[in-house]
């Protein structure tokens, strides 16, 4: 996949658990888990905004574009 979700990295930097983020953002644990593990196919801007607000970060801190060439060399 060319879009990498770095939610777990930002949560670790902020020392925030999935449960705590779920409560503050207002999303279910299962939906956040899908996003955290990179299994999500889409994300609403409102969800991204809420996550960035809680984690005090930019959308680029959460989502990263990686070319297929770079992605396969990892």
PDB file of N, CA and C in Angstrom:
ATOM      1  N   UNK A   1       0.844  -1.182   0.000  1.00  0.00           N
ATOM      2  CA  UNK A   1       0.000   0.000   0.000  1.00  0.00           C
ATOM      3  C   UNK A   1       0.883   1.236   0.000  1.00  0.00           C
ATOM      4  N   UNK A   2       0.503   2.252  -0.718  1.00  0.00           N
ATOM      5  CA  UNK A   2       1.314   3.448  -0.843  1.00  0.00           C
ATOM      6  C   UNK A   2       1.093   4.439   0.297  1.00  0.00           C
ATOM      7  N   UNK A   3      -0.034   4.339   0.978  1.00  0.00           N
ATOM      8  CA  UNK A   3      -0.305   5.230   2.114  1.00  0.00           C
ATOM      9  C   UNK A   3      -0.058   4.446   3.398  1.00  0.00           C
ATOM     10  N   UNK A   4       0.860   4.950   4.201  1.00  0.00           N
ATOM     11  CA  UNK A   4       1.203   4.310   5.467  1.00  0.00           C
ATOM     12  C   UNK A   4       0.577   5.119   6.603  1.00  0.00           C
ATOM     13  N   UNK A   5      -0.044   4.436   7.548  1.00  0.00           N
ATOM     14  CA  UNK A   5      -0.656   5.095   8.704  1.00  0.00           C
ATOM     15  C   UNK A   5       0.310   4.975   9.885  1.00  0.00           C
ATOM     16  N   UNK A   6       0.729   6.109  10.392  1.00  0.00           N
ATOM     17  CA  UNK A   6       1.675   6.147  11.511  1.00  0.00           C
ATOM     18  C   UNK A   6       0.988   6.515  12.827  1.00  0.00           C
ATOM     19  N   UNK A   7      -0.247   6.078  12.971  1.00  0.00           N
ATOM     20  CA  UNK A   7      -0.995   6.399  14.191  1.00  0.00           C
ATOM     21  C   UNK A   7      -0.318   5.821  15.420  1.00  0.00           C
ATOM     22  N   UNK A   8       0.195   4.605  15.307  1.00  0.00           N
ATOM     23  CA  UNK A   8       0.858   3.984  16.460  1.00  0.00           C
ATOM     24  C   UNK A   8       2.112   4.750  16.871  1.00  0.00           C
ATOM     25  N   UNK A   9       2.821   5.309  15.905  1.00  0.00           N
ATOM     26  CA  UNK A   9       4.024   6.098  16.209  1.00  0.00           C
ATOM     27  C   UNK A   9       3.653   7.362  16.977  1.00  0.00           C
ATOM     28  N   UNK A  10       2.600   8.060  16.497  1.00  0.00           N
ATOM     29  CA  UNK A  10       2.182   9.293  17.176  1.00  0.00           C
ATOM     30  C   UNK A  10       1.615   8.993  18.559  1.00  0.00           C
ATOM     31  N   UNK A  11       0.899   7.879  18.686  1.00  0.00           N
ATOM     32  CA  UNK A  11       0.376   7.510  20.005  1.00  0.00           C
ATOM     33  C   UNK A  11       1.520   7.211  20.973  1.00  0.00           C
ATOM     34  N   UNK A  12       2.565   6.561  20.488  1.00  0.00           N
ATOM     35  CA  UNK A  12       3.715   6.259  21.345  1.00  0.00           C
ATOM     36  C   UNK A  12       4.427   7.546  21.742  1.00  0.00           C
ATOM     37  N   UNK A  13       4.582   8.474  20.799  1.00  0.00           N
ATOM     38  CA  UNK A  13       5.234   9.752  21.114  1.00  0.00           C
ATOM     39  C   UNK A  13       4.461  10.530  22.171  1.00  0.00           C
ATOM     40  N   UNK A  14       3.129  10.427  22.123  1.00  0.00           N
ATOM     41  CA  UNK A  14       2.278  11.156  23.087  1.00  0.00           C
ATOM     42  C   UNK A  14       1.965  10.310  24.316  1.00  0.00           C
ATOM     43  N   UNK A  15       2.499   9.068  24.323  1.00  0.00           N
ATOM     44  CA  UNK A  15       2.262   8.142  25.430  1.00  0.00           C
ATOM     45  C   UNK A  15       0.759   7.984  25.700  1.00  0.00           C
ATOM     46  N   UNK A  16       0.018   7.722  24.620  1.00  0.00           N
ATOM     47  CA  UNK A  16      -1.428   7.598  24.720  1.00  0.00           C
ATOM     48  C   UNK A  16      -1.849   6.203  24.267  1.00  0.00           C
ATOM     49  N   UNK A  17      -2.720   5.593  25.031  1.00  0.00           N
ATOM     50  CA  UNK A  17      -3.205   4.256  24.679  1.00  0.00           C
ATOM     51  C   UNK A  17      -4.342   4.353  23.668  1.00  0.00           C
ATOM     52  N   UNK A  18      -4.633   3.225  23.042  1.00  0.00           N
ATOM     53  CA  UNK A  18      -5.743   3.181  22.088  1.00  0.00           C
ATOM     54  C   UNK A  18      -7.062   3.469  22.786  1.00  0.00           C
ATOM     55  N   UNK A  19      -7.207   2.973  24.013  1.00  0.00           N
ATOM     56  CA  UNK A  19      -8.431   3.239  24.785  1.00  0.00           C
ATOM     57  C   UNK A  19      -8.605   4.733  25.046  1.00  0.00           C
ATOM     58  N   UNK A  20      -7.528   5.379  25.460  1.00  0.00           N
ATOM     59  CA  UNK A  20      -7.596   6.812  25.768  1.00  0.00           C
ATOM     60  C   UNK A  20      -7.904   7.615  24.514  1.00  0.00           C
ATOM     61  N   UNK A  21      -7.239   7.286  23.408  1.00  0.00           N
ATOM     62  CA  UNK A  21      -7.497   7.999  22.154  1.00  0.00           C
ATOM     63  C   UNK A  21      -8.933   7.767  21.697  1.00  0.00           C
ATOM     64  N   UNK A  22      -9.414   6.552  21.841  1.00  0.00           N
ATOM     65  CA  UNK A  22     -10.783   6.224  21.454  1.00  0.00           C
ATOM     66  C   UNK A  22     -11.785   7.082  22.216  1.00  0.00           C
ATOM     67  N   UNK A  23     -11.582   7.221  23.510  1.00  0.00           N
ATOM     68  CA  UNK A  23     -12.488   8.031  24.325  1.00  0.00           C
ATOM     69  C   UNK A  23     -12.440   9.500  23.936  1.00  0.00           C
ATOM     70  N   UNK A  24     -11.223  10.008  23.686  1.00  0.00           N
ATOM     71  CA  UNK A  24     -11.079  11.438  23.388  1.00  0.00           C
ATOM     72  C   UNK A  24     -11.548  11.799  21.980  1.00  0.00           C
ATOM     73  N   UNK A  25     -11.391  10.864  21.039  1.00  0.00           N
ATOM     74  CA  UNK A  25     -11.782  11.137  19.652  1.00  0.00           C
ATOM     75  C   UNK A  25     -13.257  10.794  19.416  1.00  0.00           C
ATOM     76  N   UNK A  26     -13.771   9.853  20.195  1.00  0.00           N
ATOM     77  CA  UNK A  26     -15.159   9.443  20.026  1.00  0.00           C
ATOM     78  C   UNK A  26     -15.353   8.376  18.966  1.00  0.00           C
ATOM     79  N   UNK A  27     -14.328   7.580  18.730  1.00  0.00           N
ATOM     80  CA  UNK A  27     -14.419   6.456  17.795  1.00  0.00           C
ATOM     81  C   UNK A  27     -14.347   5.154  18.578  1.00  0.00           C
ATOM     82  N   UNK A  28     -14.903   4.107  17.991  1.00  0.00           N
ATOM     83  CA  UNK A  28     -14.842   2.810  18.657  1.00  0.00           C
ATOM     84  C   UNK A  28     -13.412   2.273  18.614  1.00  0.00           C
ATOM     85  N   UNK A  29     -13.128   1.400  19.555  1.00  0.00           N
ATOM     86  CA  UNK A  29     -11.798   0.772  19.580  1.00  0.00           C
ATOM     87  C   UNK A  29     -11.537  -0.007  18.300  1.00  0.00           C
ATOM     88  N   UNK A  30     -12.558  -0.680  17.798  1.00  0.00           N
ATOM     89  CA  UNK A  30     -12.365  -1.482  16.592  1.00  0.00           C
ATOM     90  C   UNK A  30     -12.040  -0.612  15.385  1.00  0.00           C
ATOM     91  N   UNK A  31     -12.724   0.521  15.239  1.00  0.00           N
ATOM     92  CA  UNK A  31     -12.426   1.407  14.113  1.00  0.00           C
ATOM     93  C   UNK A  31     -11.034   2.016  14.230  1.00  0.00           C
ATOM     94  N   UNK A  32     -10.636   2.406  15.430  1.00  0.00           N
ATOM     95  CA  UNK A  32      -9.285   2.941  15.624  1.00  0.00           C
ATOM     96  C   UNK A  32      -8.233   1.870  15.392  1.00  0.00           C
ATOM     97  N   UNK A  33      -8.537   0.659  15.806  1.00  0.00           N
ATOM     98  CA  UNK A  33      -7.607  -0.442  15.598  1.00  0.00           C
ATOM     99  C   UNK A  33      -7.399  -0.716  14.108  1.00  0.00           C
ATOM    100  N   UNK A  34      -8.480  -0.676  13.345  1.00  0.00           N
ATOM    101  CA  UNK A  34      -8.387  -0.855  11.890  1.00  0.00           C
ATOM    102  C   UNK A  34      -7.503   0.231  11.289  1.00  0.00           C
ATOM    103  N   UNK A  35      -7.683   1.459  11.744  1.00  0.00           N
ATOM    104  CA  UNK A  35      -6.862   2.562  11.251  1.00  0.00           C
ATOM    105  C   UNK A  35      -5.409   2.390  11.680  1.00  0.00           C
ATOM    106  N   UNK A  36      -5.198   2.035  12.935  1.00  0.00           N
ATOM    107  CA  UNK A  36      -3.845   1.895  13.480  1.00  0.00           C
ATOM    108  C   UNK A  36      -3.043   0.804  12.777  1.00  0.00           C
ATOM    109  N   UNK A  37      -3.717  -0.265  12.404  1.00  0.00           N
ATOM    110  CA  UNK A  37      -3.013  -1.385  11.777  1.00  0.00           C
ATOM    111  C   UNK A  37      -2.884  -1.240  10.268  1.00  0.00           C
ATOM    112  N   UNK A  38      -3.363  -0.112   9.732  1.00  0.00           N
ATOM    113  CA  UNK A  38      -3.221   0.130   8.296  1.00  0.00           C
ATOM    114  C   UNK A  38      -4.200  -0.641   7.442  1.00  0.00           C
ATOM    115  N   UNK A  39      -5.262  -1.168   8.045  1.00  0.00           N
ATOM    116  CA  UNK A  39      -6.249  -1.938   7.288  1.00  0.00           C
ATOM    117  C   UNK A  39      -7.378  -1.065   6.753  1.00  0.00           C
ATOM    118  N   UNK A  40      -7.415   0.210   7.150  1.00  0.00           N
ATOM    119  CA  UNK A  40      -8.479   1.103   6.694  1.00  0.00           C
ATOM    120  C   UNK A  40      -8.270   1.466   5.230  1.00  0.00           C
ATOM    121  N   UNK A  41      -9.356   1.577   4.505  1.00  0.00           N
ATOM    122  CA  UNK A  41      -9.315   1.959   3.093  1.00  0.00           C
ATOM    123  C   UNK A  41      -9.564   3.443   2.906  1.00  0.00           C
ATOM    124  N   UNK A  42     -10.083   4.113   3.940  1.00  0.00           N
ATOM    125  CA  UNK A  42     -10.387   5.540   3.847  1.00  0.00           C
ATOM    126  C   UNK A  42     -10.471   6.113   5.258  1.00  0.00           C
ATOM    127  N   UNK A  43     -10.380   7.437   5.334  1.00  0.00           N
ATOM    128  CA  UNK A  43     -10.550   8.122   6.616  1.00  0.00           C
ATOM    129  C   UNK A  43     -11.268   9.439   6.337  1.00  0.00           C
ATOM    130  N   UNK A  44     -12.237   9.761   7.160  1.00  0.00           N
ATOM    131  CA  UNK A  44     -12.954  11.032   7.018  1.00  0.00           C
ATOM    132  C   UNK A  44     -12.048  12.162   7.494  1.00  0.00           C
ATOM    133  N   UNK A  45     -12.174  13.311   6.841  1.00  0.00           N
ATOM    134  CA  UNK A  45     -11.410  14.474   7.285  1.00  0.00           C
ATOM    135  C   UNK A  45     -11.759  14.824   8.730  1.00  0.00           C
ATOM    136  N   UNK A  46     -13.032  14.657   9.096  1.00  0.00           N
ATOM    137  CA  UNK A  46     -13.443  14.987  10.465  1.00  0.00           C
ATOM    138  C   UNK A  46     -12.756  14.065  11.472  1.00  0.00           C
ATOM    139  N   UNK A  47     -12.560  12.797  11.108  1.00  0.00           N
ATOM    140  CA  UNK A  47     -11.858  11.861  11.984  1.00  0.00           C
ATOM    141  C   UNK A  47     -10.387  12.242  12.078  1.00  0.00           C
ATOM    142  N   UNK A  48      -9.789  12.547  10.941  1.00  0.00           N
ATOM    143  CA  UNK A  48      -8.382  12.949  10.926  1.00  0.00           C
ATOM    144  C   UNK A  48      -8.184  14.228  11.734  1.00  0.00           C
ATOM    145  N   UNK A  49      -9.116  15.155  11.605  1.00  0.00           N
ATOM    146  CA  UNK A  49      -9.051  16.401  12.363  1.00  0.00           C
ATOM    147  C   UNK A  49      -9.126  16.130  13.864  1.00  0.00           C
ATOM    148  N   UNK A  50     -10.034  15.261  14.276  1.00  0.00           N
ATOM    149  CA  UNK A  50     -10.182  14.941  15.696  1.00  0.00           C
ATOM    150  C   UNK A  50      -8.924  14.266  16.240  1.00  0.00           C
ATOM    151  N   UNK A  51      -8.355  13.351  15.472  1.00  0.00           N
ATOM    152  CA  UNK A  51      -7.131  12.668  15.905  1.00  0.00           C
ATOM    153  C   UNK A  51      -5.984  13.671  16.027  1.00  0.00           C
ATOM    154  N   UNK A  52      -5.841  14.533  15.033  1.00  0.00           N
ATOM    155  CA  UNK A  52      -4.767  15.534  15.067  1.00  0.00           C
ATOM    156  C   UNK A  52      -4.960  16.494  16.241  1.00  0.00           C
ATOM    157  N   UNK A  53      -6.207  16.833  16.528  1.00  0.00           N
ATOM    158  CA  UNK A  53      -6.497  17.722  17.650  1.00  0.00           C
ATOM    159  C   UNK A  53      -6.074  17.084  18.972  1.00  0.00           C
ATOM    160  N   UNK A  54      -6.418  15.827  19.157  1.00  0.00           N
ATOM    161  CA  UNK A  54      -6.103  15.128  20.408  1.00  0.00           C
ATOM    162  C   UNK A  54      -4.597  14.859  20.523  1.00  0.00           C
ATOM    163  N   UNK A  55      -3.980  14.456  19.427  1.00  0.00           N
ATOM    164  CA  UNK A  55      -2.545  14.118  19.469  1.00  0.00           C
ATOM    165  C   UNK A  55      -1.646  15.328  19.241  1.00  0.00           C
ATOM    166  N   UNK A  56      -2.265  16.495  18.978  1.00  0.00           N
ATOM    167  CA  UNK A  56      -1.507  17.736  18.737  1.00  0.00           C
ATOM    168  C   UNK A  56      -0.453  17.511  17.643  1.00  0.00           C
ATOM    169  N   UNK A  57      -0.955  17.116  16.472  1.00  0.00           N
ATOM    170  CA  UNK A  57      -0.051  16.844  15.353  1.00  0.00           C
ATOM    171  C   UNK A  57      -0.687  17.282  14.040  1.00  0.00           C
ATOM    172  N   UNK A  58       0.018  17.111  12.959  1.00  0.00           N
ATOM    173  CA  UNK A  58      -0.463  17.446  11.623  1.00  0.00           C
ATOM    174  C   UNK A  58      -0.899  16.156  10.913  1.00  0.00           C
ATOM    175  N   UNK A  59      -1.772  16.273   9.903  1.00  0.00           N
ATOM    176  CA  UNK A  59      -2.172  15.072   9.153  1.00  0.00           C
ATOM    177  C   UNK A  59      -0.977  14.311   8.582  1.00  0.00           C
ATOM    178  N   UNK A  60       0.064  15.031   8.195  1.00  0.00           N
ATOM    179  CA  UNK A  60       1.255  14.384   7.662  1.00  0.00           C
ATOM    180  C   UNK A  60       2.008  13.562   8.695  1.00  0.00           C
ATOM    181  N   UNK A  61       1.753  13.824   9.962  1.00  0.00           N
ATOM    182  CA  UNK A  61       2.359  13.001  11.019  1.00  0.00           C
ATOM    183  C   UNK A  61       1.659  11.645  11.113  1.00  0.00           C
ATOM    184  N   UNK A  62       0.404  11.601  10.671  1.00  0.00           N
ATOM    185  CA  UNK A  62      -0.398  10.377  10.751  1.00  0.00           C
ATOM    186  C   UNK A  62      -0.309   9.578   9.450  1.00  0.00           C
ATOM    187  N   UNK A  63      -0.394  10.281   8.311  1.00  0.00           N
ATOM    188  CA  UNK A  63      -0.407   9.615   7.010  1.00  0.00           C
ATOM    189  C   UNK A  63       0.872   9.911   6.256  1.00  0.00           C
ATOM    190  N   UNK A  64       1.434   8.891   5.636  1.00  0.00           N
ATOM    191  CA  UNK A  64       2.685   9.034   4.887  1.00  0.00           C
ATOM    192  C   UNK A  64       2.540   8.335   3.536  1.00  0.00           C
ATOM    193  N   UNK A  65       2.965   9.006   2.479  1.00  0.00           N
ATOM    194  CA  UNK A  65       2.942   8.396   1.149  1.00  0.00           C
ATOM    195  C   UNK A  65       4.305   7.767   0.882  1.00  0.00           C
ATOM    196  N   UNK A  66       4.292   6.505   0.509  1.00  0.00           N
ATOM    197  CA  UNK A  66       5.520   5.788   0.182  1.00  0.00           C
ATOM    198  C   UNK A  66       5.342   5.183  -1.210  1.00  0.00           C
ATOM    199  N   UNK A  67       6.288   5.437  -2.088  1.00  0.00           N
ATOM    200  CA  UNK A  67       6.190   4.865  -3.436  1.00  0.00           C
ATOM    201  C   UNK A  67       6.293   3.352  -3.348  1.00  0.00           C
ATOM    202  N   UNK A  68       5.720   2.673  -4.320  1.00  0.00           N
ATOM    203  CA  UNK A  68       5.773   1.211  -4.329  1.00  0.00           C
ATOM    204  C   UNK A  68       7.205   0.707  -4.354  1.00  0.00           C
ATOM    205  N   UNK A  69       8.069   1.420  -5.068  1.00  0.00           N
ATOM    206  CA  UNK A  69       9.475   1.027  -5.148  1.00  0.00           C
ATOM    207  C   UNK A  69      10.125   1.061  -3.763  1.00  0.00           C
ATOM    208  N   UNK A  70       9.894   2.142  -3.019  1.00  0.00           N
ATOM    209  CA  UNK A  70      10.467   2.267  -1.680  1.00  0.00           C
ATOM    210  C   UNK A  70       9.803   1.295  -0.718  1.00  0.00           C
ATOM    211  N   UNK A  71       8.487   1.096  -0.891  1.00  0.00           N
ATOM    212  CA  UNK A  71       7.719   0.229  -0.015  1.00  0.00           C
ATOM    213  C   UNK A  71       8.199  -1.222  -0.107  1.00  0.00           C
ATOM    214  N   UNK A  72       8.582  -1.689  -1.288  1.00  0.00           N
ATOM    215  CA  UNK A  72       9.013  -3.070  -1.455  1.00  0.00           C
ATOM    216  C   UNK A  72      10.450  -3.304  -1.031  1.00  0.00           C
ATOM    217  N   UNK A  73      11.251  -2.220  -0.933  1.00  0.00           N
ATOM    218  CA  UNK A  73      12.648  -2.393  -0.529  1.00  0.00           C
ATOM    219  C   UNK A  73      12.816  -2.512   0.973  1.00  0.00           C
ATOM    220  N   UNK A  74      11.730  -2.207   1.742  1.00  0.00           N
ATOM    221  CA  UNK A  74      11.809  -2.279   3.217  1.00  0.00           C
ATOM    222  C   UNK A  74      11.774  -3.688   3.725  1.00  0.00           C
TER     223      UNK A  74
END
